Amino acid sequence: MKPKIVLAGGTGFIGSFFQKKFADAGYEVVIISREANHVSWKDDASLLNALEGAAVLVNLAGKSVNCRYTAKNKKAILDSRVDTTRKLQQIADQCKRPPQLWINSSTATIYRHAEDRAMDEATGEVGSGFSVAVAQAWEKAFFENEYPGTRKIALRIAIVLGKTGGVMKPFTKLVRFGLGGKQGNGKQMFSWIHIEDLYQIVLFLMNNKTLKGIYNCSAPSPVTNQMFMGAIRKILRPLLYLPSPIILLKAGAILIGTETELLLKSRWVLPGKLLDAGYRFRYPNINAALNEIYQKQS
């Protein structure tokens, strides 16, 4: 029998990439989502059947944070992460053969705005505010019940770069429309990870069976916002690249229904534990990552 991989919330940018990669690698892939052709979150019997005997459960479920932080959206963002995590725990507790490894998403946004120094798992300082509170509640829900048959790992994922979705499409449009200069003062740190490395990290954690706990999922070479925009411009070569001052970003965020935090918070995160465990990044620097993304787009 093929080893079974369960992807909860597996229909988005990351989940779709994982689904294809695992299927191509010979795994049986089961998707939990709200779509009709997948295992339903509301069907406990089907959920139990999905988790029973799984080699790995990867939980990616959660409403996108690319929205205005209204009271309604804040509740949906929090509930979509905490409730699904607790639901999976409830079902896993009923399994005779629970998933051997459960990898749960978290976010590198849990760390404070940092322009002074990098944050790793040992020395990182947790921040404050709505996004941080969501991350803390998410991780608490994940770790509050341990099951002896299941190894648990939370991935504090930085901004994921890839050609099929995520942030690259809007950033590419900005540069091509002449707005590819720095955002704000451009000094805020941009921690990122190529989607292929995110998949390879999951494989690495699957194969290294002593690893558990919290891991930062970010490339070892974060850059400033100004450097990131410059790296995109170097590839796309726009004739004009205007900067976006904070006042313009705030007005634009309202118009397109998002928050400036996604651009202006300084995320300076390092993957200390992954490096110590021996993981070697396929795309350790921003130029290598962007060259791969744009080469395959052209």
C-alpha atoms as a PDB file:
ATOM      1  CA  MET A   1       0.000   0.000   0.000  1.00  0.00           C
ATOM      2  CA  LYS A   2       1.100   3.544  -0.716  1.00  0.00           C
ATOM      3  CA  PRO A   3       1.865   5.685   2.349  1.00  0.00           C
ATOM      4  CA  LYS A   4      -1.026   8.076   3.003  1.00  0.00           C
ATOM      5  CA  ILE A   5      -0.589  11.832   3.215  1.00  0.00           C
ATOM      6  CA  VAL A   6      -3.562  13.851   4.480  1.00  0.00           C
ATOM      7  CA  LEU A   7      -3.662  17.525   3.488  1.00  0.00           C
ATOM      8  CA  ALA A   8      -6.155  19.500   5.544  1.00  0.00           C
ATOM      9  CA  GLY A   9      -7.038  22.731   3.779  1.00  0.00           C
ATOM     10  CA  GLY A  10      -5.175  21.390   0.781  1.00  0.00           C
ATOM     11  CA  THR A  11      -6.766  23.427  -2.020  1.00  0.00           C
ATOM     12  CA  GLY A  12      -4.823  26.686  -1.805  1.00  0.00           C
ATOM     13  CA  PHE A  13      -1.475  27.772  -3.197  1.00  0.00           C
ATOM     14  CA  ILE A  14       0.628  25.593  -0.886  1.00  0.00           C
ATOM     15  CA  GLY A  15      -1.819  22.700  -0.664  1.00  0.00           C
ATOM     16  CA  SER A  16      -2.163  22.345  -4.432  1.00  0.00           C
ATOM     17  CA  PHE A  17       1.620  22.327  -4.817  1.00  0.00           C
ATOM     18  CA  PHE A  18       1.975  19.709  -2.087  1.00  0.00           C
ATOM     19  CA  GLN A  19      -0.783  17.564  -3.573  1.00  0.00           C
ATOM     20  CA  LYS A  20       0.986  17.285  -6.922  1.00  0.00           C
ATOM     21  CA  LYS A  21       4.438  16.744  -5.422  1.00  0.00           C
ATOM     22  CA  PHE A  22       3.301  13.993  -3.049  1.00  0.00           C
ATOM     23  CA  ALA A  23       1.204  12.293  -5.737  1.00  0.00           C
ATOM     24  CA  ASP A  24       4.147  12.368  -8.169  1.00  0.00           C
ATOM     25  CA  ALA A  25       6.324  10.867  -5.411  1.00  0.00           C
ATOM     26  CA  GLY A  26       3.974   7.880  -5.113  1.00  0.00           C
ATOM     27  CA  TYR A  27       1.945   8.775  -2.028  1.00  0.00           C
ATOM     28  CA  GLU A  28      -1.781   8.365  -1.602  1.00  0.00           C
ATOM     29  CA  VAL A  29      -3.003  11.937  -1.074  1.00  0.00           C
ATOM     30  CA  VAL A  30      -6.248  12.671   0.767  1.00  0.00           C
ATOM     31  CA  ILE A  31      -7.612  16.230   0.833  1.00  0.00           C
ATOM     32  CA  ILE A  32      -9.819  17.669   3.576  1.00  0.00           C
ATOM     33  CA  SER A  33     -11.642  20.798   2.464  1.00  0.00           C
ATOM     34  CA  ARG A  34     -15.034  22.376   1.955  1.00  0.00           C
ATOM     35  CA  GLU A  35     -15.112  21.315  -1.691  1.00  0.00           C
ATOM     36  CA  ALA A  36     -17.605  18.623  -2.674  1.00  0.00           C
ATOM     37  CA  ASN A  37     -15.041  16.176  -4.104  1.00  0.00           C
ATOM     38  CA  HIS A  38     -12.917  16.104  -0.950  1.00  0.00           C
ATOM     39  CA  VAL A  39     -13.322  14.804   2.584  1.00  0.00           C
ATOM     40  CA  SER A  40     -15.690  17.180   4.368  1.00  0.00           C
ATOM     41  CA  TRP A  41     -14.880  18.900   7.656  1.00  0.00           C
ATOM     42  CA  LYS A  42     -18.464  18.127   8.696  1.00  0.00           C
ATOM     43  CA  ASP A  43     -18.266  14.350   8.099  1.00  0.00           C
ATOM     44  CA  ASP A  44     -16.651  12.817  11.191  1.00  0.00           C
ATOM     45  CA  ALA A  45     -16.758   9.289   9.826  1.00  0.00           C
ATOM     46  CA  SER A  46     -14.909  10.308   6.652  1.00  0.00           C
ATOM     47  CA  LEU A  47     -12.429  12.344   8.671  1.00  0.00           C
ATOM     48  CA  LEU A  48     -11.710   9.342  10.883  1.00  0.00           C
ATOM     49  CA  ASN A  49     -11.198   7.143   7.833  1.00  0.00           C
ATOM     50  CA  ALA A  50      -8.853   9.746   6.331  1.00  0.00           C
ATOM     51  CA  LEU A  51      -6.658  10.070   9.429  1.00  0.00           C
ATOM     52  CA  GLU A  52      -6.633   6.358  10.294  1.00  0.00           C
ATOM     53  CA  GLY A  53      -3.235   4.916   9.424  1.00  0.00           C
ATOM     54  CA  ALA A  54      -1.929   8.099   7.812  1.00  0.00           C
ATOM     55  CA  ALA A  55       1.826   8.494   7.568  1.00  0.00           C
ATOM     56  CA  VAL A  56       1.552  12.274   7.745  1.00  0.00           C
ATOM     57  CA  LEU A  57      -1.149  14.843   8.426  1.00  0.00           C
ATOM     58  CA  VAL A  58      -0.345  18.340   7.153  1.00  0.00           C
ATOM     59  CA  ASN A  59      -2.776  20.994   8.313  1.00  0.00           C
ATOM     60  CA  LEU A  60      -2.782  24.106   6.129  1.00  0.00           C
ATOM     61  CA  ALA A  61      -6.333  25.220   6.905  1.00  0.00           C
ATOM     62  CA  GLY A  62      -7.039  28.875   7.577  1.00  0.00           C
ATOM     63  CA  LYS A  63      -8.763  31.893   6.060  1.00  0.00           C
ATOM     64  CA  SER A  64      -6.418  34.130   4.091  1.00  0.00           C
ATOM     65  CA  VAL A  65      -5.072  37.119   6.029  1.00  0.00           C
ATOM     66  CA  ASN A  66      -5.133  39.148   2.814  1.00  0.00           C
ATOM     67  CA  CYS A  67      -8.246  41.064   3.878  1.00  0.00           C
ATOM     68  CA  ARG A  68      -9.345  44.009   6.001  1.00  0.00           C
ATOM     69  CA  TYR A  69      -9.175  43.248   9.699  1.00  0.00           C
ATOM     70  CA  THR A  70     -12.831  43.853  10.452  1.00  0.00           C
ATOM     71  CA  ALA A  71     -14.359  42.181  13.497  1.00  0.00           C
ATOM     72  CA  LYS A  72     -15.996  39.598  11.231  1.00  0.00           C
ATOM     73  CA  ASN A  73     -12.786  38.808   9.364  1.00  0.00           C
ATOM     74  CA  LYS A  74     -10.731  38.665  12.567  1.00  0.00           C
ATOM     75  CA  LYS A  75     -13.104  36.071  13.987  1.00  0.00           C
ATOM     76  CA  ALA A  76     -12.987  34.049  10.758  1.00  0.00           C
ATOM     77  CA  ILE A  77      -9.184  34.169  10.646  1.00  0.00           C
ATOM     78  CA  LEU A  78      -8.904  32.966  14.245  1.00  0.00           C
ATOM     79  CA  ASP A  79     -11.674  30.348  14.129  1.00  0.00           C
ATOM     80  CA  SER A  80     -10.536  28.868  10.814  1.00  0.00           C
ATOM     81  CA  ARG A  81      -7.184  28.034  12.389  1.00  0.00           C
ATOM     82  CA  VAL A  82      -8.020  27.123  15.966  1.00  0.00           C
ATOM     83  CA  ASP A  83     -11.279  25.252  15.292  1.00  0.00           C
ATOM     84  CA  THR A  84      -9.872  23.124  12.476  1.00  0.00           C
ATOM     85  CA  THR A  85      -6.805  22.227  14.553  1.00  0.00           C
ATOM     86  CA  ARG A  86      -8.996  21.156  17.468  1.00  0.00           C
ATOM     87  CA  LYS A  87     -11.297  19.251  15.120  1.00  0.00           C
ATOM     88  CA  LEU A  88      -8.365  17.264  13.762  1.00  0.00           C
ATOM     89  CA  GLN A  89      -7.194  16.537  17.300  1.00  0.00           C
ATOM     90  CA  GLN A  90     -10.670  15.327  18.226  1.00  0.00           C
ATOM     91  CA  ILE A  91     -10.667  12.923  15.276  1.00  0.00           C
ATOM     92  CA  ALA A  92      -7.054  11.809  15.800  1.00  0.00           C
ATOM     93  CA  ASP A  93      -7.906  10.899  19.389  1.00  0.00           C
ATOM     94  CA  GLN A  94     -10.377   8.340  18.028  1.00  0.00           C
ATOM     95  CA  CYS A  95      -7.909   6.659  15.665  1.00  0.00           C
ATOM     96  CA  LYS A  96      -6.591   3.201  16.397  1.00  0.00           C
ATOM     97  CA  ARG A  97      -3.581   4.102  14.254  1.00  0.00           C
ATOM     98  CA  PRO A  98      -3.284   7.907  14.435  1.00  0.00           C
ATOM     99  CA  PRO A  99      -1.066   9.834  12.013  1.00  0.00           C
ATOM    100  CA  GLN A 100       2.587   9.099  12.715  1.00  0.00           C
ATOM    101  CA  LEU A 101       3.508  12.738  12.071  1.00  0.00           C
ATOM    102  CA  TRP A 102       1.295  15.801  12.310  1.00  0.00           C
ATOM    103  CA  ILE A 103       2.693  19.005  10.804  1.00  0.00           C
ATOM    104  CA  ASN A 104       0.620  22.086  11.558  1.00  0.00           C
ATOM    105  CA  SER A 105       0.992  25.477   9.948  1.00  0.00           C
ATOM    106  CA  SER A 106       1.881  28.468  12.041  1.00  0.00           C
ATOM    107  CA  THR A 107       3.356  31.791  11.011  1.00  0.00           C
ATOM    108  CA  ALA A 108       6.628  33.670  11.301  1.00  0.00           C
ATOM    109  CA  THR A 109       4.499  36.735  12.032  1.00  0.00           C
ATOM    110  CA  ILE A 110       4.427  35.536  15.646  1.00  0.00           C
ATOM    111  CA  TYR A 111       7.727  37.367  16.186  1.00  0.00           C
ATOM    112  CA  ARG A 112       7.854  41.097  16.883  1.00  0.00           C
ATOM    113  CA  HIS A 113       8.563  43.773  14.279  1.00  0.00           C
ATOM    114  CA  ALA A 114      12.361  43.547  14.107  1.00  0.00           C
ATOM    115  CA  GLU A 115      14.794  45.860  12.357  1.00  0.00           C
ATOM    116  CA  ASP A 116      17.501  45.458  15.003  1.00  0.00           C
ATOM    117  CA  ARG A 117      18.235  41.730  14.918  1.00  0.00           C
ATOM    118  CA  ALA A 118      17.111  38.369  13.580  1.00  0.00           C
ATOM    119  CA  MET A 119      14.709  36.047  15.371  1.00  0.00           C
ATOM    120  CA  ASP A 120      15.301  32.305  15.629  1.00  0.00           C
ATOM    121  CA  GLU A 121      13.492  29.700  17.712  1.00  0.00           C
ATOM    122  CA  ALA A 122      15.848  30.092  20.689  1.00  0.00           C
ATOM    123  CA  THR A 123      16.148  33.882  20.913  1.00  0.00           C
ATOM    124  CA  GLY A 124      13.119  35.192  19.025  1.00  0.00           C
ATOM    125  CA  GLU A 125      10.792  37.580  20.842  1.00  0.00           C
ATOM    126  CA  VAL A 126       7.048  37.122  20.422  1.00  0.00           C
ATOM    127  CA  GLY A 127       5.323  40.311  19.366  1.00  0.00           C
ATOM    128  CA  SER A 128       1.910  41.784  20.110  1.00  0.00           C
ATOM    129  CA  GLY A 129      -1.268  42.605  18.234  1.00  0.00           C
ATOM    130  CA  PHE A 130      -3.952  40.673  16.407  1.00  0.00           C
ATOM    131  CA  SER A 131      -1.777  38.564  14.089  1.00  0.00           C
ATOM    132  CA  VAL A 132       0.497  37.514  16.929  1.00  0.00           C
ATOM    133  CA  ALA A 133      -2.482  36.597  19.124  1.00  0.00           C
ATOM    134  CA  VAL A 134      -3.837  34.394  16.326  1.00  0.00           C
ATOM    135  CA  ALA A 135      -0.477  32.617  15.995  1.00  0.00           C
ATOM    136  CA  GLN A 136      -0.273  32.033  19.738  1.00  0.00           C
ATOM    137  CA  ALA A 137      -3.819  30.641  19.908  1.00  0.00           C
ATOM    138  CA  TRP A 138      -3.121  28.439  16.876  1.00  0.00           C
ATOM    139  CA  GLU A 139      -0.004  26.894  18.413  1.00  0.00           C
ATOM    140  CA  LYS A 140      -1.679  26.504  21.799  1.00  0.00           C
ATOM    141  CA  ALA A 141      -4.555  24.574  20.214  1.00  0.00           C
ATOM    142  CA  PHE A 142      -2.060  22.370  18.389  1.00  0.00           C
ATOM    143  CA  PHE A 143       0.125  21.461  21.356  1.00  0.00           C
ATOM    144  CA  GLU A 144      -2.455  21.411  24.157  1.00  0.00           C
ATOM    145  CA  ASN A 145      -3.179  17.688  23.700  1.00  0.00           C
ATOM    146  CA  GLU A 146      -0.296  15.316  23.086  1.00  0.00           C
ATOM    147  CA  TYR A 147      -0.858  11.815  21.733  1.00  0.00           C
ATOM    148  CA  PRO A 148       1.940   9.270  22.233  1.00  0.00           C
ATOM    149  CA  GLY A 149       1.561   7.795  18.753  1.00  0.00           C
ATOM    150  CA  THR A 150       1.883  11.109  16.927  1.00  0.00           C
ATOM    151  CA  ARG A 151       4.954  13.307  16.525  1.00  0.00           C
ATOM    152  CA  LYS A 152       3.930  16.976  16.321  1.00  0.00           C
ATOM    153  CA  ILE A 153       5.719  19.807  14.502  1.00  0.00           C
ATOM    154  CA  ALA A 154       4.525  23.400  14.072  1.00  0.00           C
ATOM    155  CA  LEU A 155       6.022  25.297  11.143  1.00  0.00           C
ATOM    156  CA  ARG A 156       6.339  29.053  11.575  1.00  0.00           C
ATOM    157  CA  ILE A 157       6.190  29.761   7.869  1.00  0.00           C
ATOM    158  CA  ALA A 158       7.570  32.955   6.343  1.00  0.00           C
ATOM    159  CA  ILE A 159       6.147  34.486   3.149  1.00  0.00           C
ATOM    160  CA  VAL A 160       6.044  31.703   0.559  1.00  0.00           C
ATOM    161  CA  LEU A 161       7.312  32.423  -2.951  1.00  0.00           C
ATOM    162  CA  GLY A 162       6.287  30.387  -5.975  1.00  0.00           C
ATOM    163  CA  LYS A 163       5.112  30.845  -9.530  1.00  0.00           C
ATOM    164  CA  THR A 164       1.560  29.535  -9.143  1.00  0.00           C
ATOM    165  CA  GLY A 165       0.208  31.879  -6.497  1.00  0.00           C
ATOM    166  CA  GLY A 166       0.911  33.639  -3.240  1.00  0.00           C
ATOM    167  CA  VAL A 167       2.519  37.076  -3.177  1.00  0.00           C
ATOM    168  CA  MET A 168       4.479  36.884  -6.439  1.00  0.00           C
ATOM    169  CA  LYS A 169       1.555  37.752  -8.692  1.00  0.00           C
ATOM    170  CA  PRO A 170       0.705  41.059  -6.980  1.00  0.00           C
ATOM    171  CA  PHE A 171       4.375  42.003  -6.596  1.00  0.00           C
ATOM    172  CA  THR A 172       4.957  41.249 -10.276  1.00  0.00           C
ATOM    173  CA  LYS A 173       2.016  43.455 -11.255  1.00  0.00           C
ATOM    174  CA  LEU A 174       3.324  46.309  -9.107  1.00  0.00           C
ATOM    175  CA  VAL A 175       6.716  46.190 -10.809  1.00  0.00           C
ATOM    176  CA  ARG A 176       5.276  45.926 -14.330  1.00  0.00           C
ATOM    177  CA  PHE A 177       2.915  48.852 -13.673  1.00  0.00           C
ATOM    178  CA  GLY A 178       5.774  51.089 -12.572  1.00  0.00           C
ATOM    179  CA  LEU A 179       5.238  50.810  -8.804  1.00  0.00           C
ATOM    180  CA  GLY A 180       8.200  48.549  -8.122  1.00  0.00           C
ATOM    181  CA  GLY A 181      10.076  50.843  -5.771  1.00  0.00           C
ATOM    182  CA  LYS A 182      10.384  50.338  -2.044  1.00  0.00           C
ATOM    183  CA  GLN A 183       7.295  50.178   0.177  1.00  0.00           C
ATOM    184  CA  GLY A 184       7.414  52.582   3.093  1.00  0.00           C
ATOM    185  CA  ASN A 185      11.046  53.272   3.991  1.00  0.00           C
ATOM    186  CA  GLY A 186      12.080  49.932   2.494  1.00  0.00           C
ATOM    187  CA  LYS A 187      14.096  49.007   5.576  1.00  0.00           C
ATOM    188  CA  GLN A 188      11.620  46.425   6.883  1.00  0.00           C
ATOM    189  CA  MET A 189      12.978  42.888   6.666  1.00  0.00           C
ATOM    190  CA  PHE A 190      11.365  40.436   4.292  1.00  0.00           C
ATOM    191  CA  SER A 191      11.661  36.818   5.433  1.00  0.00           C
ATOM    192  CA  TRP A 192      10.625  34.390   2.747  1.00  0.00           C
ATOM    193  CA  ILE A 193      10.838  30.766   1.607  1.00  0.00           C
ATOM    194  CA  HIS A 194      10.595  29.159  -1.817  1.00  0.00           C
ATOM    195  CA  ILE A 195       7.669  26.749  -2.015  1.00  0.00           C
ATOM    196  CA  GLU A 196       9.956  23.925  -3.159  1.00  0.00           C
ATOM    197  CA  ASP A 197      11.984  24.306   0.035  1.00  0.00           C
ATOM    198  CA  LEU A 198       8.787  24.232   2.081  1.00  0.00           C
ATOM    199  CA  TYR A 199       7.931  20.868   0.500  1.00  0.00           C
ATOM    200  CA  GLN A 200      11.480  19.562   0.932  1.00  0.00           C
ATOM    201  CA  ILE A 201      11.415  20.592   4.604  1.00  0.00           C
ATOM    202  CA  VAL A 202       8.288  18.492   5.116  1.00  0.00           C
ATOM    203  CA  LEU A 203      10.105  15.516   3.554  1.00  0.00           C
ATOM    204  CA  PHE A 204      13.146  16.219   5.744  1.00  0.00           C
ATOM    205  CA  LEU A 205      10.993  16.253   8.877  1.00  0.00           C
ATOM    206  CA  MET A 206       9.266  13.049   7.788  1.00  0.00           C
ATOM    207  CA  ASN A 207      12.604  11.279   7.422  1.00  0.00           C
ATOM    208  CA  ASN A 208      14.186  12.609  10.618  1.00  0.00           C
ATOM    209  CA  LYS A 209      11.990  10.940  13.178  1.00  0.00           C
ATOM    210  CA  THR A 210      13.524  12.494  16.296  1.00  0.00           C
ATOM    211  CA  LEU A 211      12.554  16.038  15.292  1.00  0.00           C
ATOM    212  CA  LYS A 212       9.509  17.649  16.892  1.00  0.00           C
ATOM    213  CA  GLY A 213       8.291  20.964  18.268  1.00  0.00           C
ATOM    214  CA  ILE A 214       8.482  24.391  16.626  1.00  0.00           C
ATOM    215  CA  TYR A 215      10.540  25.150  13.510  1.00  0.00           C
ATOM    216  CA  ASN A 216      10.988  28.411  11.622  1.00  0.00           C
ATOM    217  CA  CYS A 217      10.349  27.854   7.923  1.00  0.00           C
ATOM    218  CA  SER A 218      12.271  30.673   6.279  1.00  0.00           C
ATOM    219  CA  ALA A 219      15.244  30.921   3.961  1.00  0.00           C
ATOM    220  CA  PRO A 220      18.545  31.645   5.733  1.00  0.00           C
ATOM    221  CA  SER A 221      19.046  34.916   3.819  1.00  0.00           C
ATOM    222  CA  PRO A 222      16.223  37.382   4.525  1.00  0.00           C
ATOM    223  CA  VAL A 223      16.407  40.720   2.704  1.00  0.00           C
ATOM    224  CA  THR A 224      15.036  44.202   3.177  1.00  0.00           C
ATOM    225  CA  ASN A 225      11.918  45.228   1.283  1.00  0.00           C
ATOM    226  CA  GLN A 226      14.091  47.526  -0.819  1.00  0.00           C
ATOM    227  CA  MET A 227      16.410  44.651  -1.734  1.00  0.00           C
ATOM    228  CA  PHE A 228      13.473  42.368  -2.556  1.00  0.00           C
ATOM    229  CA  MET A 229      11.880  44.883  -4.906  1.00  0.00           C
ATOM    230  CA  GLY A 230      15.268  45.537  -6.488  1.00  0.00           C
ATOM    231  CA  ALA A 231      15.772  41.819  -7.124  1.00  0.00           C
ATOM    232  CA  ILE A 232      12.429  41.615  -8.954  1.00  0.00           C
ATOM    233  CA  ARG A 233      13.255  44.722 -11.005  1.00  0.00           C
ATOM    234  CA  LYS A 234      16.590  43.219 -12.007  1.00  0.00           C
ATOM    235  CA  ILE A 235      14.696  40.411 -13.713  1.00  0.00           C
ATOM    236  CA  LEU A 236      11.673  42.292 -15.101  1.00  0.00           C
ATOM    237  CA  ARG A 237      13.585  45.489 -16.013  1.00  0.00           C
ATOM    238  CA  PRO A 238      10.747  48.030 -15.789  1.00  0.00           C
ATOM    239  CA  LEU A 239      11.345  51.502 -17.248  1.00  0.00           C
ATOM    240  CA  LEU A 240       9.829  53.160 -14.175  1.00  0.00           C
ATOM    241  CA  TYR A 241       9.777  52.112 -10.532  1.00  0.00           C
ATOM    242  CA  LEU A 242       8.069  54.538  -8.206  1.00  0.00           C
ATOM    243  CA  PRO A 243       8.225  54.046  -4.428  1.00  0.00           C
ATOM    244  CA  SER A 244       5.071  53.596  -2.348  1.00  0.00           C
ATOM    245  CA  PRO A 245       5.032  55.855   0.734  1.00  0.00           C
ATOM    246  CA  ILE A 246       3.115  54.726   3.800  1.00  0.00           C
ATOM    247  CA  ILE A 247       0.226  57.144   3.227  1.00  0.00           C
ATOM    248  CA  LEU A 248      -0.282  55.747  -0.278  1.00  0.00           C
ATOM    249  CA  LEU A 249      -0.068  52.173   0.996  1.00  0.00           C
ATOM    250  CA  LYS A 250      -2.734  52.843   3.611  1.00  0.00           C
ATOM    251  CA  ALA A 251      -5.088  54.312   1.024  1.00  0.00           C
ATOM    252  CA  GLY A 252      -4.382  51.495  -1.414  1.00  0.00           C
ATOM    253  CA  ALA A 253      -4.928  48.836   1.236  1.00  0.00           C
ATOM    254  CA  ILE A 254      -8.418  50.182   1.866  1.00  0.00           C
ATOM    255  CA  LEU A 255      -9.209  50.216  -1.844  1.00  0.00           C
ATOM    256  CA  ILE A 256      -8.120  46.619  -2.464  1.00  0.00           C
ATOM    257  CA  GLY A 257      -9.385  45.270   0.863  1.00  0.00           C
ATOM    258  CA  THR A 258      -6.190  44.321   2.660  1.00  0.00           C
ATOM    259  CA  GLU A 259      -3.887  45.513   5.468  1.00  0.00           C
ATOM    260  CA  THR A 260      -0.555  47.349   5.288  1.00  0.00           C
ATOM    261  CA  GLU A 261       0.895  44.965   7.891  1.00  0.00           C
ATOM    262  CA  LEU A 262       1.523  42.470   5.100  1.00  0.00           C
ATOM    263  CA  LEU A 263       3.986  44.932   3.527  1.00  0.00           C
ATOM    264  CA  LEU A 264       5.267  47.023   6.407  1.00  0.00           C
ATOM    265  CA  LYS A 265       5.884  44.617   9.274  1.00  0.00           C
ATOM    266  CA  SER A 266       9.575  43.772   9.542  1.00  0.00           C
ATOM    267  CA  ARG A 267       9.845  39.975   9.672  1.00  0.00           C
ATOM    268  CA  TRP A 268      13.467  39.049  10.346  1.00  0.00           C
ATOM    269  CA  VAL A 269      13.386  35.304  10.887  1.00  0.00           C
ATOM    270  CA  LEU A 270      16.101  32.659  10.679  1.00  0.00           C
ATOM    271  CA  PRO A 271      15.675  28.841  10.462  1.00  0.00           C
ATOM    272  CA  GLY A 272      18.047  28.022  13.291  1.00  0.00           C
ATOM    273  CA  LYS A 273      16.707  24.595  14.191  1.00  0.00           C
ATOM    274  CA  LEU A 274      16.458  23.404  10.582  1.00  0.00           C
ATOM    275  CA  LEU A 275      20.046  24.403   9.896  1.00  0.00           C
ATOM    276  CA  ASP A 276      21.213  22.753  13.108  1.00  0.00           C
ATOM    277  CA  ALA A 277      19.374  19.566  12.108  1.00  0.00           C
ATOM    278  CA  GLY A 278      21.234  19.504   8.782  1.00  0.00           C
ATOM    279  CA  TYR A 279      18.665  20.791   6.298  1.00  0.00           C
ATOM    280  CA  ARG A 280      20.231  22.394   3.223  1.00  0.00           C
ATOM    281  CA  PHE A 281      18.122  24.861   1.290  1.00  0.00           C
ATOM    282  CA  ARG A 282      17.568  24.471  -2.458  1.00  0.00           C
ATOM    283  CA  TYR A 283      16.983  28.222  -2.703  1.00  0.00           C
ATOM    284  CA  PRO A 284      18.986  29.906   0.074  1.00  0.00           C
ATOM    285  CA  ASN A 285      19.049  33.407  -1.444  1.00  0.00           C
ATOM    286  CA  ILE A 286      16.465  35.638  -3.066  1.00  0.00           C
ATOM    287  CA  ASN A 287      18.134  35.822  -6.491  1.00  0.00           C
ATOM    288  CA  ALA A 288      18.141  32.041  -6.899  1.00  0.00           C
ATOM    289  CA  ALA A 289      14.501  31.848  -5.836  1.00  0.00           C
ATOM    290  CA  LEU A 290      13.306  34.601  -8.179  1.00  0.00           C
ATOM    291  CA  ASN A 291      15.340  33.292 -11.114  1.00  0.00           C
ATOM    292  CA  GLU A 292      13.594  29.920 -10.763  1.00  0.00           C
ATOM    293  CA  ILE A 293      10.152  31.496 -10.456  1.00  0.00           C
ATOM    294  CA  TYR A 294      10.451  33.824 -13.445  1.00  0.00           C
ATOM    295  CA  GLN A 295      12.343  31.357 -15.621  1.00  0.00           C
ATOM    296  CA  LYS A 296       9.447  28.918 -15.439  1.00  0.00           C
ATOM    297  CA  GLN A 297       6.924  31.687 -16.076  1.00  0.00           C
ATOM    298  CA  SER A 298       8.559  32.784 -19.293  1.00  0.00           C
END
